[in-house]
Amino acid sequence: MFRRTTTVILIGGHSLQHAFLGAWLGRFDRLSVVAEADDGKKAMELLHKYKPALVLMDFDDIGFPSLDILIRIRTGFPKTRVIIYCSGINGRRATKLIRAGAAGFVLKTARSGEMEDAIRTVLDGGVYLSPDFLMSLGTGTGQRMPRKRAN
């Protein structure tokens, strides 16, 4: 399914949520959850240790300090892609998070295939905004926005 082995860190959420998300991610041959963090300090320690390709961040649990975490990930680990999953978020805050480095947003009520679509899109260099996420902002339908490639 995925072309190369991808390391993943889960940030925020609760142990049980991590267990379910980790089990779901485990069904993909080339996705490997290497660590879990429940706060920003632990997250940064684990990022330094593992240098993952992907971070899945529970915005509901971490809250607005995730803006600081995203900025630190973008500057310290520019190749690491971050997908935010949350119950809902307002447009202004979403814009700040995208500018800070979020490569995708998925609502917790989305079907599991949405998270898979988001992971594929961001690992391919694009930005993923799920249809349910965009509907929560009142902007219409979701879309995959591929990264512009330099010629």
Protein backbone atom coordinates (compact mmCIF):
# COMPACT_ATOMS: atom_id res chain seq x y z
CA MET A 1 0.00 0.00 0.00
CA PHE A 2 2.65 2.54 1.02
CA ARG A 3 5.85 2.63 -1.03
CA ARG A 4 8.34 2.80 1.82
CA THR A 5 8.34 2.21 5.55
CA THR A 6 7.04 5.31 7.29
CA THR A 7 7.65 6.03 10.95
CA VAL A 8 4.81 7.66 12.87
CA ILE A 9 4.53 9.42 16.24
CA LEU A 10 1.14 9.95 17.89
CA ILE A 11 0.79 13.19 19.89
CA GLY A 12 -2.04 13.95 22.29
CA GLY A 13 -5.01 11.78 22.91
CA HIS A 14 -5.30 9.13 25.55
CA SER A 15 -3.68 5.71 25.89
CA LEU A 16 -6.78 3.89 24.72
CA GLN A 17 -7.11 6.19 21.71
CA HIS A 18 -3.44 5.59 20.87
CA ALA A 19 -4.01 1.84 21.17
CA PHE A 20 -6.91 1.93 18.71
CA LEU A 21 -5.16 4.27 16.29
CA GLY A 22 -1.94 2.25 16.54
CA ALA A 23 -3.82 -0.99 15.84
CA TRP A 24 -5.56 0.58 12.85
CA LEU A 25 -2.25 1.91 11.48
CA GLY A 26 -0.69 -1.52 12.08
CA ARG A 27 -2.81 -3.03 9.34
CA PHE A 28 -0.68 -1.15 6.79
CA ASP A 29 2.56 -2.99 6.01
CA ARG A 30 4.76 0.07 5.81
CA LEU A 31 3.43 2.30 8.61
CA SER A 32 5.15 1.92 11.95
CA VAL A 33 4.10 3.76 15.12
CA VAL A 34 7.41 4.26 16.92
CA ALA A 35 6.27 6.41 19.85
CA GLU A 36 3.42 8.21 21.60
CA ALA A 37 3.47 11.51 23.49
CA ASP A 38 0.81 13.15 25.62
CA ASP A 39 2.41 16.60 25.80
CA GLY A 40 4.65 18.92 23.82
CA LYS A 41 7.82 18.35 25.82
CA LYS A 42 7.63 14.57 25.42
CA ALA A 43 6.72 14.99 21.76
CA MET A 44 9.85 17.03 21.06
CA GLU A 45 12.05 14.49 22.87
CA LEU A 46 10.58 11.70 20.74
CA LEU A 47 10.92 13.71 17.54
CA HIS A 48 14.63 14.17 18.25
CA LYS A 49 15.02 10.48 18.99
CA TYR A 50 13.03 9.00 16.06
CA LYS A 51 12.85 11.76 13.40
CA PRO A 52 9.54 10.38 12.06
CA ALA A 53 8.15 10.99 8.61
CA LEU A 54 4.66 11.55 10.02
CA VAL A 55 3.02 12.91 13.17
CA LEU A 56 -0.67 12.43 13.95
CA MET A 57 -1.72 15.07 16.47
CA ASP A 58 -4.94 15.13 18.51
CA PHE A 59 -5.77 18.83 18.57
CA ASP A 60 -8.60 18.36 21.08
CA ASP A 61 -6.25 16.98 23.68
CA ILE A 62 -3.21 19.20 23.09
CA GLY A 63 -5.21 22.35 22.28
CA PHE A 64 -3.72 25.62 21.14
CA PRO A 65 -0.15 24.82 22.31
CA SER A 66 -0.12 22.62 19.22
CA LEU A 67 0.63 25.81 17.27
CA ASP A 68 3.94 26.05 19.13
CA ILE A 69 4.57 22.33 18.63
CA LEU A 70 3.90 22.65 14.89
CA ILE A 71 6.29 25.57 14.55
CA ARG A 72 8.97 23.62 16.40
CA ILE A 73 8.39 20.56 14.21
CA ARG A 74 8.51 22.65 11.02
CA THR A 75 11.76 24.37 11.99
CA GLY A 76 13.49 21.41 13.63
CA PHE A 77 12.16 18.60 11.43
CA PRO A 78 11.16 20.10 8.07
CA LYS A 79 10.67 16.67 6.45
CA THR A 80 8.17 15.55 9.10
CA ARG A 81 4.56 15.93 7.99
CA VAL A 82 1.78 16.60 10.53
CA ILE A 83 -1.88 15.65 10.32
CA ILE A 84 -4.25 17.20 12.86
CA TYR A 85 -7.30 15.21 13.90
CA CYS A 86 -9.97 16.90 15.96
CA SER A 87 -13.67 17.17 16.78
CA GLY A 88 -13.92 20.54 15.06
CA ILE A 89 -12.03 23.80 14.70
CA ASN A 90 -12.76 27.35 13.60
CA GLY A 91 -11.37 28.76 10.37
CA ARG A 92 -9.03 31.31 11.95
CA ARG A 93 -7.34 28.71 14.13
CA ALA A 94 -7.15 26.23 11.23
CA THR A 95 -5.43 28.88 9.09
CA LYS A 96 -2.87 29.51 11.83
CA LEU A 97 -2.19 25.78 12.15
CA ILE A 98 -1.75 25.35 8.39
CA ARG A 99 0.66 28.31 8.31
CA ALA A 100 2.51 26.75 11.24
CA GLY A 101 3.00 23.51 9.35
CA ALA A 102 -0.08 21.25 9.51
CA ALA A 103 -0.30 19.26 6.29
CA GLY A 104 -3.74 17.81 6.92
CA PHE A 105 -6.94 17.98 8.95
CA VAL A 106 -9.31 15.09 9.62
CA LEU A 107 -12.34 15.20 11.90
CA LYS A 108 -12.67 12.43 14.46
CA THR A 109 -16.09 11.58 13.04
CA ALA A 110 -14.62 10.82 9.59
CA ARG A 111 -14.56 7.31 8.20
CA SER A 112 -11.24 5.50 8.59
CA GLY A 113 -10.61 5.74 4.85
CA GLU A 114 -10.33 9.51 5.24
CA MET A 115 -7.34 9.17 7.53
CA GLU A 116 -5.80 6.78 5.03
CA ASP A 117 -6.42 9.32 2.23
CA ALA A 118 -4.90 12.06 4.39
CA ILE A 119 -1.80 9.99 5.17
CA ARG A 120 -1.25 9.12 1.52
CA THR A 121 -1.74 12.73 0.42
CA VAL A 122 0.60 14.33 2.94
CA LEU A 123 3.30 11.66 2.49
CA ASP A 124 3.07 12.41 -1.23
CA GLY A 125 3.81 16.08 -0.48
CA GLY A 126 0.26 17.42 -0.64
CA VAL A 127 -2.13 19.01 1.83
CA TYR A 128 -5.31 17.17 2.85
CA LEU A 129 -8.46 18.85 4.12
CA SER A 130 -11.21 16.31 4.67
CA PRO A 131 -14.73 17.00 3.37
CA ASP A 132 -16.14 16.84 6.91
CA PHE A 133 -13.48 19.26 8.12
CA LEU A 134 -14.31 21.76 5.37
CA MET A 135 -18.04 21.35 6.05
CA SER A 136 -17.36 22.17 9.73
CA LEU A 137 -15.82 25.44 8.51
CA GLY A 138 -18.79 26.05 6.23
CA THR A 139 -16.66 26.06 3.06
CA GLY A 140 -18.12 23.20 1.04
CA THR A 141 -16.54 19.92 0.03
CA GLY A 142 -13.13 18.49 0.85
CA GLN A 143 -10.30 18.34 -1.54
CA ARG A 144 -6.84 17.03 -2.05
CA MET A 145 -4.40 19.81 -2.83
CA PRO A 146 -1.24 18.39 -4.41
CA ARG A 147 2.07 20.04 -3.77
CA LYS A 148 3.41 22.08 -6.64
CA ARG A 149 6.52 20.49 -7.99
CA ALA A 150 9.48 22.56 -9.18
CA ASN A 151 10.44 21.96 -12.80
